[in-house]
Amino acid sequence: MSEIRKHYFLEEHCIIASGRSKRPSAPKVCESEEASSDCVFCAGSEDRTPPATAVYKNGEILQDSDKQNVKDWNIRCIPNLFPALSPDAKDPDLSDFTVSKGYGFHEVIIENPSHDNRIHLSSDEEILLLMQAYQDRVKYYQAKDGIKYVSLFKNWGKKAGASLPHTHSQLIAVPLMPSCLSKEMDVIKKRDICPYCDIVKKERGMERLIYENEYFIAIAPYFSMVPYEILILPIKHINHLSALTDEMLLSLGDCIRYSVSRLDETIPELTYNYMFFQLEHEEEYHFNVRIKPVTSIAAGFEKNTGIYINTMPPEIAVDHLLNRD
């Protein structure tokens, strides 16, 4: 029997088609796997990308110079070669529509020099450095004039939007507030308590809990739009990545690493997106990370209604993820 489930606190709905709970087949990460010798993100190919805006190496943050690129790096951040927005954008000529110049920044965060690295195989040292780099780059672009939001995300696999198989994340700094977050804040400000704190309180004792460490929990949310969706929340209220200490960053990275490892163990080579949601100047907002595997394509009903049909009830998904089935 199917269920129509309402979001925890928004006027959004999804359909849980519990009668169709077979595990989805595993989409391949990349239909045409690229050899490491051809990969522009691998160590040794630094001259094949734009000069790095930040290079993390042995505890230092460096930059490429006009004459020489930094070698033997741990994490390398470069401008996207085909940016969605540009700091040099000019005012458009259009006058008949609401339009402004495409100002912003678009950066690629190359997470590891090794072509075969996967985030769920990272050591504590590697995962902490990545979370620190995330924090540094978000803070750096959040401070730029005219920037109102910094979108931080990872696309893993071709079907999830990754154009290259070498593990990397992306950051896009935009001069506006995303409407989805504005809508959340409209609801949050009307509440006496933070709805995300309420989710943490209620879900920690439920069957949808996947993982918990000192500072974070991972759950299969009651309102799951796609099979094996995962929501990561800080146990204590924090609104932005910049508020996390190194100890908390390691805890966050551990939670992401464990969640991705369970996805990979359950469905090898499953493609996914993970996305950071945060608001620097809204203390009422509750920082969160959402992992959404790509197991199907949004079709007419989803695009027509905004209501997603999920064939994997989150309660059953947790059993699969934790090998309880």
Protein backbone atom coordinates (compact mmCIF):
# COMPACT_ATOMS: atom_id res chain seq x y z
CA MET A 1 0.00 0.00 0.00
CA SER A 2 1.41 3.38 -1.00
CA GLU A 3 1.66 6.34 1.38
CA ILE A 4 1.63 10.09 0.77
CA ARG A 5 4.04 11.56 3.27
CA LYS A 6 4.36 15.21 4.21
CA HIS A 7 7.70 16.91 4.81
CA TYR A 8 8.68 17.39 8.46
CA PHE A 9 7.74 21.09 8.42
CA LEU A 10 7.27 22.28 4.81
CA GLU A 11 4.18 22.00 2.64
CA GLU A 12 5.84 19.39 0.44
CA HIS A 13 4.88 15.79 -0.19
CA CYS A 14 6.36 12.57 -1.52
CA ILE A 15 4.83 9.22 -2.36
CA ILE A 16 6.30 6.12 -0.75
CA ALA A 17 5.36 3.21 -3.02
CA SER A 18 6.04 0.48 -0.47
CA GLY A 19 4.77 -2.25 -2.78
CA ARG A 20 7.73 -1.65 -5.09
CA SER A 21 10.53 -2.04 -2.57
CA LYS A 22 12.99 -4.11 -4.58
CA ARG A 23 16.48 -2.72 -4.55
CA PRO A 24 17.17 -0.60 -7.63
CA SER A 25 19.85 -1.79 -10.01
CA ALA A 26 23.22 -0.15 -9.66
CA PRO A 27 23.89 2.62 -12.19
CA LYS A 28 27.53 2.69 -13.29
CA VAL A 29 29.69 5.57 -12.13
CA CYS A 30 30.86 6.31 -15.65
CA GLU A 31 29.89 4.58 -18.86
CA SER A 32 33.29 5.22 -20.40
CA GLU A 33 35.82 5.11 -17.57
CA GLU A 34 38.70 7.49 -18.17
CA ALA A 35 42.23 6.19 -17.67
CA SER A 36 44.27 7.99 -15.03
CA SER A 37 46.91 8.86 -17.64
CA ASP A 38 44.28 10.99 -19.43
CA CYS A 39 42.85 12.62 -16.30
CA VAL A 40 43.49 16.36 -15.90
CA PHE A 41 42.75 16.20 -12.15
CA CYS A 42 45.50 13.68 -11.35
CA ALA A 43 48.82 14.61 -9.79
CA GLY A 44 51.27 15.51 -12.55
CA SER A 45 48.61 17.15 -14.74
CA GLU A 46 48.61 20.51 -13.00
CA ASP A 47 49.58 22.36 -16.19
CA ARG A 48 46.42 21.07 -17.91
CA THR A 49 44.04 23.02 -15.66
CA PRO A 50 43.68 26.70 -14.77
CA PRO A 51 46.11 27.86 -12.06
CA ALA A 52 44.97 26.79 -8.60
CA THR A 53 43.29 29.37 -6.38
CA ALA A 54 44.23 27.34 -3.28
CA VAL A 55 46.46 24.31 -2.76
CA TYR A 56 46.50 22.34 0.49
CA LYS A 57 49.90 20.77 1.06
CA ASN A 58 51.43 19.48 4.31
CA GLY A 59 49.38 21.79 6.53
CA GLU A 60 49.88 24.89 4.35
CA ILE A 61 47.55 26.72 1.97
CA LEU A 62 49.45 27.76 -1.17
CA GLN A 63 48.72 29.09 -4.65
CA ASP A 64 50.06 28.35 -8.10
CA SER A 65 52.28 31.08 -9.49
CA ASP A 66 52.55 32.29 -13.08
CA LYS A 67 55.79 30.36 -13.47
CA GLN A 68 55.21 27.20 -11.45
CA ASN A 69 52.38 25.00 -10.20
CA VAL A 70 52.47 23.50 -6.72
CA LYS A 71 53.37 19.80 -6.82
CA ASP A 72 52.82 16.95 -4.35
CA TRP A 73 49.57 18.50 -3.10
CA ASN A 74 46.86 16.99 -0.92
CA ILE A 75 43.86 19.01 -2.17
CA ARG A 76 43.80 21.39 -5.12
CA CYS A 77 41.15 24.06 -5.80
CA ILE A 78 40.83 25.46 -9.32
CA PRO A 79 38.40 27.72 -11.19
CA ASN A 80 35.87 25.73 -13.20
CA LEU A 81 36.92 25.78 -16.85
CA PHE A 82 33.27 26.22 -17.87
CA PRO A 83 31.88 28.35 -15.03
CA ALA A 84 28.18 28.84 -14.38
CA LEU A 85 28.99 32.35 -13.10
CA SER A 86 31.97 34.66 -13.44
CA PRO A 87 33.46 37.47 -11.32
CA ASP A 88 34.03 39.35 -14.59
CA ALA A 89 30.41 39.13 -15.80
CA LYS A 90 29.08 42.24 -17.52
CA ASP A 91 25.58 43.69 -17.33
CA PRO A 92 23.34 41.96 -19.91
CA ASP A 93 21.70 43.85 -22.75
CA LEU A 94 18.21 42.41 -22.18
CA SER A 95 15.59 44.88 -20.99
CA ASP A 96 12.28 43.04 -21.29
CA PHE A 97 12.85 40.59 -18.43
CA THR A 98 14.07 40.60 -14.84
CA VAL A 99 17.74 39.98 -15.44
CA SER A 100 21.10 40.83 -13.90
CA LYS A 101 24.69 40.08 -14.73
CA GLY A 102 25.92 36.55 -14.13
CA TYR A 103 28.26 37.56 -11.32
CA GLY A 104 29.67 34.88 -9.05
CA PHE A 105 32.40 32.29 -8.60
CA HIS A 106 32.63 28.62 -9.61
CA GLU A 107 35.38 26.45 -8.19
CA VAL A 108 36.35 22.79 -8.40
CA ILE A 109 37.80 21.16 -5.28
CA ILE A 110 39.99 18.21 -6.31
CA GLU A 111 39.79 16.12 -3.16
CA ASN A 112 42.76 13.83 -3.66
CA PRO A 113 45.71 13.54 -6.10
CA SER A 114 45.01 9.83 -6.63
CA HIS A 115 42.70 8.89 -9.50
CA ASP A 116 41.34 5.84 -7.67
CA ASN A 117 40.55 7.52 -4.36
CA ARG A 118 36.98 7.33 -3.06
CA ILE A 119 35.66 9.46 -0.22
CA HIS A 120 34.46 6.46 1.79
CA LEU A 121 38.02 5.05 1.71
CA SER A 122 39.58 8.24 3.13
CA SER A 123 41.60 8.16 6.34
CA ASP A 124 40.72 10.38 9.30
CA GLU A 125 43.53 12.74 8.26
CA GLU A 126 42.25 12.95 4.68
CA ILE A 127 38.60 13.43 5.63
CA LEU A 128 39.45 16.13 8.17
CA LEU A 129 41.56 18.01 5.61
CA LEU A 130 38.70 17.87 3.12
CA MET A 131 36.21 19.26 5.65
CA GLN A 132 38.72 21.99 6.55
CA ALA A 133 39.11 22.85 2.88
CA TYR A 134 35.32 22.98 2.50
CA GLN A 135 35.13 25.34 5.45
CA ASP A 136 38.00 27.54 4.20
CA ARG A 137 36.62 27.88 0.67
CA VAL A 138 33.06 28.58 1.79
CA LYS A 139 34.28 31.29 4.19
CA TYR A 140 36.54 32.75 1.50
CA TYR A 141 33.74 33.17 -1.05
CA GLN A 142 31.07 34.08 1.50
CA ALA A 143 33.17 37.18 2.28
CA LYS A 144 33.25 38.36 -1.36
CA ASP A 145 31.32 41.53 -2.17
CA GLY A 146 27.84 40.84 -3.47
CA ILE A 147 27.82 37.13 -2.59
CA LYS A 148 24.75 36.04 -0.63
CA TYR A 149 25.03 32.26 -0.76
CA VAL A 150 27.75 29.67 -1.36
CA SER A 151 26.53 26.34 -2.74
CA LEU A 152 28.83 23.44 -1.84
CA PHE A 153 28.13 20.04 -3.37
CA LYS A 154 29.59 16.83 -4.77
CA ASN A 155 28.39 14.97 -7.86
CA TRP A 156 29.61 11.38 -7.90
CA GLY A 157 29.13 9.51 -11.15
CA LYS A 158 28.10 10.57 -14.63
CA LYS A 159 24.38 10.13 -13.96
CA ALA A 160 24.72 12.46 -10.98
CA GLY A 161 26.26 15.18 -13.14
CA ALA A 162 29.99 14.52 -12.77
CA SER A 163 31.83 15.12 -16.05
CA LEU A 164 35.07 13.52 -14.78
CA PRO A 165 35.46 10.33 -12.69
CA HIS A 166 38.29 11.70 -10.51
CA THR A 167 36.74 12.46 -7.12
CA HIS A 168 35.99 16.17 -6.72
CA SER A 169 33.51 18.62 -5.25
CA GLN A 170 32.27 21.97 -6.52
CA LEU A 171 31.44 25.35 -5.08
CA ILE A 172 29.30 28.04 -6.72
CA ALA A 173 29.00 31.43 -5.00
CA VAL A 174 25.89 33.34 -6.06
CA PRO A 175 24.61 36.91 -5.53
CA LEU A 176 21.18 35.80 -4.33
CA MET A 177 19.43 33.67 -1.74
CA PRO A 178 18.08 30.39 -3.16
CA SER A 179 14.29 30.34 -2.99
CA CYS A 180 14.25 26.88 -1.38
CA LEU A 181 16.16 28.22 1.63
CA SER A 182 14.04 31.37 1.78
CA LYS A 183 10.98 29.15 1.93
CA GLU A 184 12.51 27.11 4.75
CA MET A 185 13.37 30.24 6.71
CA ASP A 186 9.82 31.59 6.35
CA VAL A 187 8.56 28.47 8.10
CA ILE A 188 11.40 28.21 10.64
CA LYS A 189 10.90 31.80 11.87
CA LYS A 190 7.26 31.03 12.65
CA ARG A 191 8.23 28.12 14.91
CA ASP A 192 8.92 28.36 18.63
CA ILE A 193 11.67 25.74 18.34
CA CYS A 194 14.00 24.79 15.50
CA PRO A 195 12.26 22.09 13.41
CA TYR A 196 15.59 20.47 12.61
CA CYS A 197 16.43 20.23 16.32
CA ASP A 198 13.03 18.57 16.70
CA ILE A 199 13.94 16.11 13.93
CA VAL A 200 17.18 15.24 15.74
CA LYS A 201 15.31 14.71 19.01
CA LYS A 202 12.68 12.45 17.46
CA GLU A 203 14.72 10.50 14.90
CA ARG A 204 17.61 9.56 17.23
CA GLY A 205 15.37 6.93 18.77
CA MET A 206 13.64 5.76 15.59
CA GLU A 207 14.30 2.90 13.20
CA ARG A 208 15.45 5.37 10.54
CA LEU A 209 18.69 6.21 12.40
CA ILE A 210 21.71 5.10 10.34
CA TYR A 211 24.67 6.42 12.30
CA GLU A 212 25.54 8.65 15.23
CA ASN A 213 28.83 9.97 16.53
CA GLU A 214 29.67 12.66 19.07
CA TYR A 215 28.41 15.64 17.06
CA PHE A 216 26.32 14.38 14.11
CA ILE A 217 23.62 11.90 13.18
CA ALA A 218 22.69 10.38 9.81
CA ILE A 219 19.10 9.30 9.18
CA ALA A 220 16.97 7.98 6.36
CA PRO A 221 14.44 10.82 6.52
CA TYR A 222 10.75 10.01 6.94
CA PHE A 223 10.22 12.36 3.98
CA SER A 224 12.55 10.68 1.46
CA MET A 225 12.19 11.78 -2.14
CA VAL A 226 14.52 9.13 -3.58
CA PRO A 227 15.61 5.60 -2.56
CA TYR A 228 18.39 5.52 0.06
CA GLU A 229 18.27 9.26 0.70
CA ILE A 230 20.31 10.28 3.77
CA LEU A 231 20.08 13.41 5.93
CA ILE A 232 23.03 14.41 8.13
CA LEU A 233 22.39 16.81 11.01
CA PRO A 234 24.49 18.26 13.84
CA ILE A 235 23.06 17.12 17.17
CA LYS A 236 23.44 20.62 18.63
CA HIS A 237 22.11 23.63 16.73
CA ILE A 238 24.67 25.11 14.33
CA ASN A 239 23.77 27.29 11.35
CA HIS A 240 26.90 27.30 9.20
CA LEU A 241 30.05 25.35 8.36
CA SER A 242 32.18 28.21 9.68
CA ALA A 243 30.95 27.50 13.23
CA LEU A 244 32.48 24.00 13.34
CA THR A 245 35.68 23.30 15.27
CA ASP A 246 38.24 20.86 13.86
CA GLU A 247 36.86 18.18 16.18
CA MET A 248 33.37 18.78 14.80
CA LEU A 249 34.65 18.86 11.22
CA LEU A 250 36.18 15.43 11.72
CA SER A 251 32.88 14.22 13.14
CA LEU A 252 31.06 15.61 10.11
CA GLY A 253 33.51 13.98 7.72
CA ASP A 254 33.19 10.69 9.60
CA CYS A 255 29.40 10.82 9.23
CA ILE A 256 29.62 11.55 5.50
CA ARG A 257 32.25 8.86 5.01
CA TYR A 258 30.20 6.24 6.85
CA SER A 259 27.01 7.14 4.98
CA VAL A 260 28.70 6.90 1.59
CA SER A 261 30.38 3.63 2.59
CA ARG A 262 26.98 2.12 3.40
CA LEU A 263 25.60 3.26 0.04
CA ASP A 264 28.56 1.75 -1.78
CA GLU A 265 28.33 -1.48 0.18
CA THR A 266 24.59 -1.77 -0.49
CA ILE A 267 24.72 -0.87 -4.18
CA PRO A 268 28.30 -0.82 -5.52
CA GLU A 269 29.07 2.13 -7.81
CA LEU A 270 25.81 3.87 -6.93
CA THR A 271 25.84 7.46 -8.19
CA TYR A 272 24.84 10.24 -5.82
CA ASN A 273 24.88 13.94 -5.00
CA TYR A 274 25.62 15.35 -1.59
CA MET A 275 24.81 18.95 -0.80
CA PHE A 276 25.51 21.30 2.10
CA PHE A 277 22.67 23.54 3.31
CA GLN A 278 23.66 26.46 5.53
CA LEU A 279 22.96 30.15 6.12
CA GLU A 280 25.71 32.32 7.56
CA HIS A 281 23.59 35.23 8.81
CA GLU A 282 20.51 33.30 9.91
CA GLU A 283 21.20 31.79 13.32
CA GLU A 284 17.79 30.11 13.34
CA TYR A 285 18.81 27.89 10.43
CA HIS A 286 20.13 24.40 11.19
CA PHE A 287 23.11 23.27 9.10
CA ASN A 288 22.55 19.99 7.26
CA VAL A 289 23.97 17.76 4.53
CA ARG A 290 21.70 15.83 2.18
CA ILE A 291 22.84 12.78 0.22
CA LYS A 292 20.58 11.86 -2.68
CA PRO A 293 21.45 8.76 -4.73
CA VAL A 294 20.52 8.79 -8.40
CA THR A 295 18.47 5.65 -9.00
CA SER A 296 15.92 6.99 -11.50
CA ILE A 297 15.10 10.01 -13.64
CA ALA A 298 12.42 12.54 -12.68
CA ALA A 299 9.57 12.04 -15.14
CA GLY A 300 6.37 13.84 -16.05
CA PHE A 301 4.54 13.40 -12.74
CA GLU A 302 7.48 14.67 -10.67
CA LYS A 303 8.05 17.65 -12.95
CA ASN A 304 4.33 18.41 -13.14
CA THR A 305 3.63 18.26 -9.40
CA GLY A 306 6.93 18.50 -7.53
CA ILE A 307 5.88 15.28 -5.78
CA TYR A 308 8.46 12.50 -6.08
CA ILE A 309 7.58 8.82 -6.12
CA ASN A 310 10.05 6.85 -4.00
CA THR A 311 9.95 3.08 -4.44
CA MET A 312 12.12 2.44 -1.37
CA PRO A 313 10.54 3.18 2.03
CA PRO A 314 13.25 4.73 4.25
CA GLU A 315 12.56 2.18 6.99
CA ILE A 316 13.45 -0.65 4.58
CA ALA A 317 16.37 1.36 3.15
CA VAL A 318 17.96 1.50 6.62
CA ASP A 319 17.67 -2.28 6.94
CA HIS A 320 19.53 -2.63 3.64
CA LEU A 321 22.17 -0.03 4.52
CA LEU A 322 22.89 -1.63 7.89
CA ASN A 323 22.68 -5.21 6.60
CA ARG A 324 19.67 -5.96 8.75
CA ASP A 325 17.70 -7.54 5.90
